[in-house]
N, C-alpha and C. Protein backbone atom coordinates (compact mmCIF):
# COMPACT_ATOMS: atom_id res chain seq x y z
N UNK A 1 -2.96 8.80 0.36
CA UNK A 1 -3.08 9.71 1.58
C UNK A 1 -4.11 9.01 2.58
N UNK A 2 -5.35 8.52 1.99
CA UNK A 2 -6.21 7.99 2.84
C UNK A 2 -5.77 6.62 3.38
N UNK A 3 -5.10 5.82 2.66
CA UNK A 3 -4.47 4.55 3.03
C UNK A 3 -3.55 4.73 4.28
N UNK A 4 -2.69 5.81 4.03
CA UNK A 4 -1.71 6.25 5.09
C UNK A 4 -2.49 6.54 6.43
N UNK A 5 -3.61 7.29 6.33
CA UNK A 5 -4.21 7.65 7.53
C UNK A 5 -4.82 6.50 8.19
N UNK A 6 -5.51 5.48 7.36
CA UNK A 6 -6.02 4.29 7.79
C UNK A 6 -5.08 3.35 8.50
N UNK A 7 -3.80 3.32 7.89
CA UNK A 7 -2.82 2.53 8.47
C UNK A 7 -2.29 3.03 9.82
N UNK A 8 -2.28 4.33 9.94
CA UNK A 8 -1.86 4.93 11.17
C UNK A 8 -3.00 4.92 12.26
N UNK A 9 -4.17 4.81 11.82
CA UNK A 9 -5.32 4.82 12.73
C UNK A 9 -6.26 3.60 12.32
N UNK A 10 -5.80 2.41 12.46
CA UNK A 10 -6.76 1.21 12.10
C UNK A 10 -8.01 1.13 12.74
N UNK A 11 -8.19 1.78 13.78
CA UNK A 11 -9.61 1.89 14.47
C UNK A 11 -10.64 2.52 13.78
N UNK A 12 -10.17 3.46 12.75
CA UNK A 12 -11.28 4.33 12.12
C UNK A 12 -12.27 3.71 11.48
N UNK A 13 -12.00 2.70 10.61
CA UNK A 13 -12.99 1.91 9.80
C UNK A 13 -13.89 1.14 10.72
N UNK A 14 -13.39 0.37 11.71
CA UNK A 14 -14.34 -0.40 12.55
C UNK A 14 -15.26 0.56 13.32
N UNK A 15 -14.73 1.61 13.77
CA UNK A 15 -15.42 2.59 14.54
C UNK A 15 -16.65 3.22 13.63
N UNK A 16 -16.26 3.51 12.38
CA UNK A 16 -17.30 4.05 11.52
C UNK A 16 -18.43 2.96 11.26
N UNK A 17 -17.96 1.70 11.13
CA UNK A 17 -18.82 0.69 10.89
C UNK A 17 -19.94 0.56 12.13
N UNK A 18 -19.37 0.56 13.23
CA UNK A 18 -20.15 0.46 14.45
C UNK A 18 -21.18 1.66 14.60
N UNK A 19 -20.78 2.75 14.28
CA UNK A 19 -21.63 4.05 14.26
C UNK A 19 -22.75 3.77 13.32
N UNK A 20 -22.42 3.27 12.08
CA UNK A 20 -23.23 3.11 11.08
C UNK A 20 -24.44 2.01 11.44
N UNK A 21 -23.89 0.93 12.05
CA UNK A 21 -24.78 -0.03 12.49
C UNK A 21 -25.77 0.39 13.59
N UNK A 22 -25.22 1.19 14.55
CA UNK A 22 -26.03 1.55 15.66
C UNK A 22 -27.09 2.74 15.21
N UNK A 23 -26.53 3.67 14.47
CA UNK A 23 -27.41 4.92 14.09
C UNK A 23 -28.24 4.68 12.75
N UNK A 24 -27.64 3.81 11.81
CA UNK A 24 -28.25 3.63 10.63
C UNK A 24 -29.70 3.33 10.54
N UNK A 25 -30.18 2.28 11.31
CA UNK A 25 -31.55 1.99 11.36
C UNK A 25 -32.48 3.20 11.95
N UNK A 26 -31.86 3.89 12.95
CA UNK A 26 -32.61 5.06 13.37
C UNK A 26 -32.88 6.13 12.37
N UNK A 27 -31.81 6.45 11.73
CA UNK A 27 -31.78 7.48 10.65
C UNK A 27 -32.70 6.98 9.56
N UNK A 28 -32.45 5.64 9.12
CA UNK A 28 -33.42 5.05 8.13
C UNK A 28 -34.96 5.07 8.46
N UNK A 29 -35.13 4.88 9.67
CA UNK A 29 -36.62 4.90 10.07
C UNK A 29 -37.10 6.32 9.99
N UNK A 30 -36.29 7.43 10.35
CA UNK A 30 -36.80 8.66 10.10
C UNK A 30 -37.01 9.14 8.82
N UNK A 31 -36.16 8.45 7.77
CA UNK A 31 -36.30 8.78 6.50
C UNK A 31 -37.33 7.92 5.58
N UNK A 32 -37.94 7.04 6.06
CA UNK A 32 -38.96 6.24 5.41
C UNK A 32 -39.99 6.99 4.79
N UNK A 33 -40.38 7.97 5.57
CA UNK A 33 -41.60 8.80 4.95
C UNK A 33 -40.98 10.02 4.24
N UNK A 34 -39.69 10.05 3.99
CA UNK A 34 -39.05 11.20 3.15
C UNK A 34 -38.06 10.57 2.21
N UNK A 35 -38.57 9.93 1.23
CA UNK A 35 -37.85 9.29 0.06
C UNK A 35 -36.87 10.25 -0.50
N UNK A 36 -37.42 11.35 -0.81
CA UNK A 36 -36.47 12.38 -1.57
C UNK A 36 -35.28 12.73 -0.76
N UNK A 37 -35.44 12.89 0.60
CA UNK A 37 -34.32 13.15 1.44
C UNK A 37 -33.40 11.98 1.52
N UNK A 38 -33.86 10.72 1.48
CA UNK A 38 -33.06 9.50 1.51
C UNK A 38 -32.25 9.44 0.24
N UNK A 39 -32.88 9.72 -0.91
CA UNK A 39 -32.21 9.68 -2.27
C UNK A 39 -31.06 10.73 -2.15
N UNK A 40 -31.41 12.00 -1.75
CA UNK A 40 -30.32 12.90 -1.76
C UNK A 40 -29.15 12.65 -0.81
N UNK A 41 -29.46 12.11 0.37
CA UNK A 41 -28.37 11.65 1.14
C UNK A 41 -27.66 10.39 0.64
N UNK A 42 -28.26 9.69 -0.07
CA UNK A 42 -27.77 8.47 -0.71
C UNK A 42 -26.70 8.93 -1.90
N UNK A 43 -27.10 9.91 -2.55
CA UNK A 43 -26.20 10.67 -3.59
C UNK A 43 -25.01 11.21 -2.90
N UNK A 44 -25.17 11.73 -1.95
CA UNK A 44 -23.97 12.42 -1.12
C UNK A 44 -23.09 11.32 -0.63
N UNK A 45 -23.79 10.19 -0.20
CA UNK A 45 -22.96 9.02 0.34
C UNK A 45 -22.15 8.42 -0.83
N UNK A 46 -22.62 8.56 -1.97
CA UNK A 46 -21.90 7.89 -3.14
C UNK A 46 -20.66 8.65 -3.58
N UNK A 47 -20.68 9.99 -3.20
CA UNK A 47 -19.52 10.78 -3.69
C UNK A 47 -18.13 10.22 -3.15
N UNK A 48 -18.02 9.92 -1.83
CA UNK A 48 -16.78 9.32 -1.57
C UNK A 48 -16.49 8.06 -2.30
N UNK A 49 -17.49 7.27 -2.77
CA UNK A 49 -17.24 5.95 -3.50
C UNK A 49 -16.56 6.42 -4.82
N UNK A 50 -17.23 7.44 -5.44
CA UNK A 50 -16.53 7.89 -6.72
C UNK A 50 -15.22 8.57 -6.59
N UNK A 51 -15.09 9.36 -5.53
CA UNK A 51 -13.66 9.83 -5.38
C UNK A 51 -12.61 8.99 -4.98
N UNK A 52 -12.96 8.01 -4.16
CA UNK A 52 -11.81 7.02 -3.72
C UNK A 52 -11.61 5.87 -4.69
N UNK A 53 -12.52 5.68 -5.69
CA UNK A 53 -12.35 4.54 -6.63
C UNK A 53 -11.95 5.05 -8.10
N UNK A 54 -12.35 6.23 -8.44
CA UNK A 54 -12.10 6.63 -9.80
C UNK A 54 -11.22 7.90 -9.99
N UNK A 55 -10.80 8.49 -8.95
CA UNK A 55 -9.85 9.69 -9.08
C UNK A 55 -8.57 9.20 -9.44
N UNK A 56 -8.04 9.68 -10.55
CA UNK A 56 -6.66 9.34 -10.96
C UNK A 56 -5.61 9.59 -9.89
N UNK A 57 -4.70 8.71 -9.83
CA UNK A 57 -3.43 8.73 -8.84
C UNK A 57 -2.19 8.68 -9.64
N UNK A 58 -1.21 9.20 -9.13
CA UNK A 58 0.16 9.18 -9.77
C UNK A 58 0.88 7.80 -9.39
N UNK A 59 0.73 6.85 -10.21
CA UNK A 59 1.49 5.68 -9.93
C UNK A 59 1.56 4.82 -11.20
N UNK A 60 2.50 4.06 -11.44
CA UNK A 60 2.43 2.97 -12.38
C UNK A 60 2.01 1.69 -11.92
N UNK A 61 1.16 1.14 -12.74
CA UNK A 61 0.62 -0.26 -12.44
C UNK A 61 1.38 -1.34 -13.14
N UNK A 62 1.74 -2.30 -12.55
CA UNK A 62 2.50 -3.37 -13.24
C UNK A 62 1.57 -4.64 -13.37
N UNK A 63 0.63 -4.68 -12.44
CA UNK A 63 -0.41 -5.68 -12.59
C UNK A 63 -1.71 -5.02 -12.64
N UNK A 64 -2.56 -5.43 -13.53
CA UNK A 64 -3.82 -4.82 -13.68
C UNK A 64 -4.86 -5.24 -12.67
N UNK A 65 -4.92 -6.53 -12.50
CA UNK A 65 -5.95 -7.04 -11.57
C UNK A 65 -5.56 -8.06 -10.59
N UNK A 66 -5.90 -8.14 -9.40
CA UNK A 66 -5.43 -8.99 -8.44
C UNK A 66 -6.73 -9.86 -8.14
N UNK A 67 -6.56 -11.17 -8.15
CA UNK A 67 -7.73 -12.07 -7.91
C UNK A 67 -7.33 -12.62 -6.49
N UNK A 68 -8.06 -12.34 -5.50
CA UNK A 68 -7.98 -12.74 -4.01
C UNK A 68 -9.31 -12.71 -3.48
N UNK A 69 -9.44 -13.63 -2.59
CA UNK A 69 -10.77 -13.67 -1.94
C UNK A 69 -10.56 -13.44 -0.41
N UNK A 70 -9.89 -12.49 0.04
CA UNK A 70 -9.54 -12.21 1.38
C UNK A 70 -10.77 -11.49 1.94
N UNK A 71 -11.05 -11.93 3.18
CA UNK A 71 -12.18 -11.23 3.90
C UNK A 71 -11.68 -10.14 4.63
N UNK A 72 -12.50 -9.13 4.71
CA UNK A 72 -12.07 -7.92 5.45
C UNK A 72 -12.03 -8.29 7.03
N UNK A 73 -10.89 -7.65 7.63
CA UNK A 73 -10.76 -7.73 9.15
C UNK A 73 -10.26 -6.41 9.59
N UNK A 74 -10.42 -6.06 10.79
CA UNK A 74 -9.98 -4.75 11.19
C UNK A 74 -8.41 -4.57 10.94
N UNK A 75 -7.60 -5.61 10.81
CA UNK A 75 -6.25 -5.47 10.43
C UNK A 75 -5.97 -5.32 9.10
N UNK A 76 -6.77 -5.62 8.17
CA UNK A 76 -6.71 -5.28 6.73
C UNK A 76 -7.49 -4.04 6.49
N UNK A 77 -6.83 -2.93 6.75
CA UNK A 77 -7.39 -1.55 6.71
C UNK A 77 -8.15 -1.14 5.47
N UNK A 78 -7.49 -1.55 4.24
CA UNK A 78 -8.06 -1.15 2.98
C UNK A 78 -9.38 -1.89 2.70
N UNK A 79 -9.39 -3.25 3.00
CA UNK A 79 -10.48 -3.98 2.75
C UNK A 79 -11.66 -3.60 3.80
N UNK A 80 -11.24 -3.27 4.98
CA UNK A 80 -12.29 -2.76 5.99
C UNK A 80 -13.00 -1.42 5.59
N UNK A 81 -12.01 -0.61 4.96
CA UNK A 81 -12.55 0.70 4.54
C UNK A 81 -13.49 0.51 3.27
N UNK A 82 -13.35 -0.60 2.54
CA UNK A 82 -14.11 -0.92 1.38
C UNK A 82 -15.42 -1.34 1.82
N UNK A 83 -15.62 -2.07 2.98
CA UNK A 83 -16.88 -2.48 3.58
C UNK A 83 -17.64 -1.10 3.89
N UNK A 84 -16.97 -0.35 4.77
CA UNK A 84 -17.71 0.82 5.13
C UNK A 84 -18.09 1.76 4.12
N UNK A 85 -17.38 1.80 2.99
CA UNK A 85 -17.73 2.75 1.99
C UNK A 85 -19.13 2.46 1.27
N UNK A 86 -19.60 1.24 1.31
CA UNK A 86 -20.88 1.01 0.59
C UNK A 86 -22.02 0.81 1.64
N UNK A 87 -21.84 0.86 2.90
CA UNK A 87 -22.85 0.64 3.93
C UNK A 87 -23.99 1.88 3.78
N UNK A 88 -23.51 3.10 3.93
CA UNK A 88 -24.51 4.18 3.92
C UNK A 88 -25.24 4.35 2.71
N UNK A 89 -24.59 4.36 1.49
CA UNK A 89 -25.45 4.61 0.26
C UNK A 89 -26.40 3.53 0.05
N UNK A 90 -26.12 2.16 0.54
CA UNK A 90 -27.10 1.12 0.30
C UNK A 90 -28.15 1.32 1.28
N UNK A 91 -27.85 1.62 2.53
CA UNK A 91 -28.81 1.77 3.54
C UNK A 91 -29.91 2.85 3.13
N UNK A 92 -29.46 3.99 2.65
CA UNK A 92 -30.19 5.13 2.34
C UNK A 92 -31.00 4.85 0.97
N UNK A 93 -30.46 4.34 0.11
CA UNK A 93 -31.11 3.96 -1.24
C UNK A 93 -32.18 2.84 -0.89
N UNK A 94 -31.86 1.88 -0.01
CA UNK A 94 -32.69 0.90 0.29
C UNK A 94 -34.00 1.33 0.97
N UNK A 95 -33.84 2.37 1.94
CA UNK A 95 -34.80 3.17 2.50
C UNK A 95 -35.76 3.83 1.46
N UNK A 96 -35.07 4.72 0.64
CA UNK A 96 -35.75 5.36 -0.32
C UNK A 96 -36.61 4.60 -1.31
N UNK A 97 -36.10 3.40 -1.70
CA UNK A 97 -36.94 2.60 -2.62
C UNK A 97 -37.76 1.56 -1.94
N UNK A 98 -37.52 1.30 -0.63
CA UNK A 98 -38.30 0.38 0.14
C UNK A 98 -37.90 -1.09 -0.51
N UNK A 99 -36.79 -1.18 -1.17
CA UNK A 99 -36.34 -2.54 -1.69
C UNK A 99 -34.83 -2.71 -1.47
N UNK A 100 -34.46 -2.95 -0.16
CA UNK A 100 -33.06 -2.94 0.05
C UNK A 100 -32.27 -4.12 -0.55
N UNK A 101 -32.97 -5.24 -0.86
CA UNK A 101 -32.15 -6.22 -1.51
C UNK A 101 -32.02 -6.09 -2.84
N UNK A 102 -32.89 -5.41 -3.65
CA UNK A 102 -32.63 -5.02 -4.98
C UNK A 102 -31.39 -4.04 -5.09
N UNK A 103 -31.42 -3.14 -4.15
CA UNK A 103 -30.31 -2.09 -4.03
C UNK A 103 -28.99 -2.90 -3.63
N UNK A 104 -28.97 -3.89 -2.85
CA UNK A 104 -27.81 -4.67 -2.69
C UNK A 104 -27.25 -5.31 -3.82
N UNK A 105 -28.16 -5.87 -4.74
CA UNK A 105 -27.78 -6.41 -6.09
C UNK A 105 -27.11 -5.26 -6.90
N UNK A 106 -27.84 -4.14 -6.85
CA UNK A 106 -27.29 -3.03 -7.77
C UNK A 106 -25.96 -2.43 -7.32
N UNK A 107 -25.75 -2.45 -6.08
CA UNK A 107 -24.52 -2.02 -5.45
C UNK A 107 -23.45 -3.12 -5.74
N UNK A 108 -23.51 -4.31 -5.73
CA UNK A 108 -22.67 -5.29 -6.05
C UNK A 108 -22.26 -5.26 -7.51
N UNK A 109 -23.23 -5.08 -8.42
CA UNK A 109 -22.93 -4.86 -9.88
C UNK A 109 -22.18 -3.45 -10.04
N UNK A 110 -22.56 -2.38 -9.19
CA UNK A 110 -21.79 -1.11 -9.40
C UNK A 110 -20.38 -1.33 -8.87
N UNK A 111 -20.13 -2.07 -7.85
CA UNK A 111 -18.82 -2.42 -7.49
C UNK A 111 -18.03 -3.14 -8.51
N UNK A 112 -18.55 -4.16 -9.13
CA UNK A 112 -17.88 -4.96 -10.17
C UNK A 112 -17.62 -3.99 -11.26
N UNK A 113 -18.56 -3.13 -11.65
CA UNK A 113 -18.28 -2.17 -12.84
C UNK A 113 -17.07 -1.30 -12.48
N UNK A 114 -17.07 -0.71 -11.28
CA UNK A 114 -15.86 0.03 -10.85
C UNK A 114 -14.60 -0.80 -10.94
N UNK A 115 -14.60 -1.99 -10.56
CA UNK A 115 -13.29 -2.75 -10.66
C UNK A 115 -12.99 -2.96 -12.07
N UNK A 116 -14.07 -3.22 -12.99
CA UNK A 116 -13.70 -3.38 -14.30
C UNK A 116 -13.23 -2.19 -15.10
N UNK A 117 -13.80 -1.01 -14.73
CA UNK A 117 -13.28 0.29 -15.25
C UNK A 117 -11.82 0.62 -14.79
N UNK A 118 -11.55 0.27 -13.51
CA UNK A 118 -10.27 0.28 -13.01
C UNK A 118 -9.23 -0.47 -13.92
N UNK A 119 -9.77 -1.70 -14.29
CA UNK A 119 -8.85 -2.52 -15.19
C UNK A 119 -8.64 -2.11 -16.54
N UNK A 120 -9.83 -1.44 -17.14
CA UNK A 120 -9.93 -1.12 -18.54
C UNK A 120 -9.21 0.25 -18.79
N UNK A 121 -9.11 1.06 -17.72
CA UNK A 121 -8.50 2.46 -17.91
C UNK A 121 -7.23 2.56 -17.00
N UNK A 122 -6.08 2.06 -17.49
CA UNK A 122 -4.94 2.08 -16.52
C UNK A 122 -4.37 3.47 -16.33
N UNK A 123 -4.83 4.38 -17.14
CA UNK A 123 -4.38 5.75 -17.00
C UNK A 123 -4.80 6.47 -15.64
N UNK A 124 -5.85 5.93 -15.05
CA UNK A 124 -6.28 6.48 -13.80
C UNK A 124 -5.35 5.96 -12.67
N UNK A 125 -4.58 5.02 -12.88
CA UNK A 125 -3.67 4.41 -11.86
C UNK A 125 -4.21 3.60 -10.76
N UNK A 126 -5.36 3.11 -11.07
CA UNK A 126 -6.02 2.27 -10.06
C UNK A 126 -5.92 0.74 -10.61
N UNK A 127 -5.82 -0.03 -9.58
CA UNK A 127 -5.80 -1.50 -9.97
C UNK A 127 -7.08 -2.21 -9.39
N UNK A 128 -7.60 -3.11 -10.25
CA UNK A 128 -8.84 -3.91 -9.83
C UNK A 128 -8.44 -4.96 -8.90
N UNK A 129 -9.29 -5.32 -8.00
CA UNK A 129 -9.08 -6.35 -7.03
C UNK A 129 -10.43 -7.06 -6.68
N UNK A 130 -10.44 -8.40 -6.87
CA UNK A 130 -11.73 -9.11 -6.41
C UNK A 130 -11.92 -8.88 -4.93
N UNK A 131 -10.96 -8.65 -4.10
CA UNK A 131 -11.16 -8.45 -2.71
C UNK A 131 -11.92 -7.23 -2.37
N UNK A 132 -11.59 -6.14 -3.27
CA UNK A 132 -12.28 -4.89 -3.05
C UNK A 132 -13.84 -5.21 -3.42
N UNK A 133 -14.10 -5.78 -4.50
CA UNK A 133 -15.51 -6.07 -4.73
C UNK A 133 -16.19 -6.92 -3.76
N UNK A 134 -15.50 -7.93 -3.15
CA UNK A 134 -15.97 -8.59 -2.19
C UNK A 134 -16.42 -7.79 -0.88
N UNK A 135 -15.42 -7.10 -0.53
CA UNK A 135 -15.52 -6.12 0.63
C UNK A 135 -16.75 -5.11 0.41
N UNK A 136 -16.84 -4.63 -0.81
CA UNK A 136 -17.88 -3.64 -1.14
C UNK A 136 -19.21 -4.32 -1.00
N UNK A 137 -19.19 -5.60 -1.47
CA UNK A 137 -20.57 -6.32 -1.49
C UNK A 137 -20.98 -6.67 -0.02
N UNK A 138 -20.11 -6.98 0.74
CA UNK A 138 -20.26 -7.19 2.25
C UNK A 138 -20.81 -5.96 2.88
N UNK A 139 -20.19 -4.81 2.44
CA UNK A 139 -20.64 -3.60 3.15
C UNK A 139 -22.09 -3.17 2.61
N UNK A 140 -22.36 -3.60 1.27
CA UNK A 140 -23.72 -3.40 0.69
C UNK A 140 -24.81 -4.33 1.34
N UNK A 141 -24.37 -5.39 1.73
CA UNK A 141 -25.07 -6.46 2.43
C UNK A 141 -25.55 -5.97 3.98
N UNK A 142 -24.60 -5.32 4.50
CA UNK A 142 -24.83 -4.80 5.84
C UNK A 142 -25.77 -3.53 5.76
N UNK A 143 -25.53 -2.64 4.68
CA UNK A 143 -26.32 -1.54 4.42
C UNK A 143 -27.82 -2.03 4.00
N UNK A 144 -27.88 -3.03 3.26
CA UNK A 144 -29.30 -3.60 2.93
C UNK A 144 -30.10 -4.15 4.35
N UNK A 145 -29.34 -4.85 5.12
CA UNK A 145 -29.80 -5.48 6.31
C UNK A 145 -30.33 -4.31 7.19
N UNK A 146 -29.51 -3.19 7.35
CA UNK A 146 -29.78 -2.13 8.21
C UNK A 146 -31.09 -1.34 7.52
N UNK A 147 -31.22 -1.30 6.27
CA UNK A 147 -32.34 -0.66 5.65
C UNK A 147 -33.66 -1.53 5.95
N UNK A 148 -33.43 -2.88 5.84
CA UNK A 148 -34.54 -3.78 6.18
C UNK A 148 -35.11 -3.61 7.67
N UNK A 149 -34.11 -3.51 8.69
CA UNK A 149 -34.34 -3.15 9.98
C UNK A 149 -35.19 -1.77 10.11
N UNK A 150 -34.73 -0.79 9.46
CA UNK A 150 -35.31 0.50 9.48
C UNK A 150 -36.80 0.35 8.98
N UNK A 151 -37.07 -0.36 7.77
CA UNK A 151 -38.30 -0.40 7.14
C UNK A 151 -39.21 -1.26 8.14
N UNK A 152 -38.73 -2.26 8.75
CA UNK A 152 -39.47 -2.99 9.68
C UNK A 152 -39.79 -2.16 10.74
N UNK A 153 -38.91 -1.36 11.34
CA UNK A 153 -39.35 -0.49 12.52
C UNK A 153 -40.22 0.43 12.12
N UNK A 154 -40.26 0.99 10.87
CA UNK A 154 -41.18 2.05 10.54
C UNK A 154 -42.62 1.33 10.31
N UNK A 155 -42.71 0.12 9.99
CA UNK A 155 -44.05 -0.58 9.86
C UNK A 155 -44.68 -0.96 11.14
N UNK A 156 -43.94 -1.06 12.08
CA UNK A 156 -44.41 -1.48 13.45
C UNK A 156 -45.34 -0.42 13.95
N UNK A 157 -46.47 -0.89 14.54
CA UNK A 157 -47.47 0.07 15.05
C UNK A 157 -46.95 0.60 16.17
N UNK A 158 -47.22 1.88 16.59
CA UNK A 158 -46.70 2.52 17.84
C UNK A 158 -47.74 2.15 18.75
N UNK A 159 -47.30 1.74 19.97
CA UNK A 159 -48.18 1.34 21.09
C UNK A 159 -48.43 2.40 22.03
N UNK A 160 -49.50 3.02 22.01
CA UNK A 160 -49.87 4.13 23.01
C UNK A 160 -50.64 3.70 24.19
N UNK A 161 -50.98 2.50 24.14
CA UNK A 161 -51.79 1.94 25.26
C UNK A 161 -51.00 1.35 26.42
N UNK A 162 -49.73 1.44 26.40
CA UNK A 162 -48.97 0.98 27.49
C UNK A 162 -49.03 1.94 28.73
N UNK A 163 -48.77 1.38 29.99
CA UNK A 163 -48.95 2.28 31.08
C UNK A 163 -47.62 3.05 31.13
N UNK A 164 -47.82 4.26 31.65
CA UNK A 164 -46.58 4.94 31.79
C UNK A 164 -45.70 4.64 32.95
N UNK A 165 -44.41 5.10 32.92
CA UNK A 165 -43.56 4.72 34.02
C UNK A 165 -43.86 5.37 35.31
N UNK A 166 -44.77 6.24 35.23
CA UNK A 166 -45.13 6.95 36.51
C UNK A 166 -46.16 6.10 37.47
N UNK A 167 -46.39 4.93 36.95
CA UNK A 167 -47.34 4.12 37.66
C UNK A 167 -48.80 4.22 37.47
N UNK A 168 -49.14 4.81 36.33
CA UNK A 168 -50.55 4.97 35.90
C UNK A 168 -51.15 3.42 35.73
N UNK A 169 -52.41 3.40 36.04
CA UNK A 169 -53.20 2.18 35.99
C UNK A 169 -53.22 1.75 34.60
N UNK A 170 -53.34 0.52 34.19
CA UNK A 170 -53.44 0.09 32.80
C UNK A 170 -54.70 0.25 32.22
């Protein structure tokens, strides 16, 4: 069902990615001093990952795993959706831990584990794909970079000695 929606509206995933790239560092900066809230939101952001990758579907699989190294593009809606899927959880967990690149590594391992589980349990009707892992890891890298930007912005000292726009003297 979700694949059908994405095929019918291929602009959804790139638009979601743009929104995350623009709003992510702002939200992350606000959450730097609230790690519990960042963890909670990260957990909420992981729910779609679990639902979209581990929920059983009614289909028979003839091939267990596909080995492909296709890069996501807006025209490859499923791969692009896999990128978007990991941006928010990694961004939020990276802010919560203040270690975005450690979270990037953990997210890549999580994605590989999901693909291995899909291969090991054919009863869920999911097929593993190296392209999915690559797309998830690219999304995790984007999330880690956004978390790093948020952490950098939070460390910058606020400058209150600038003249106001009203023409006040310096």
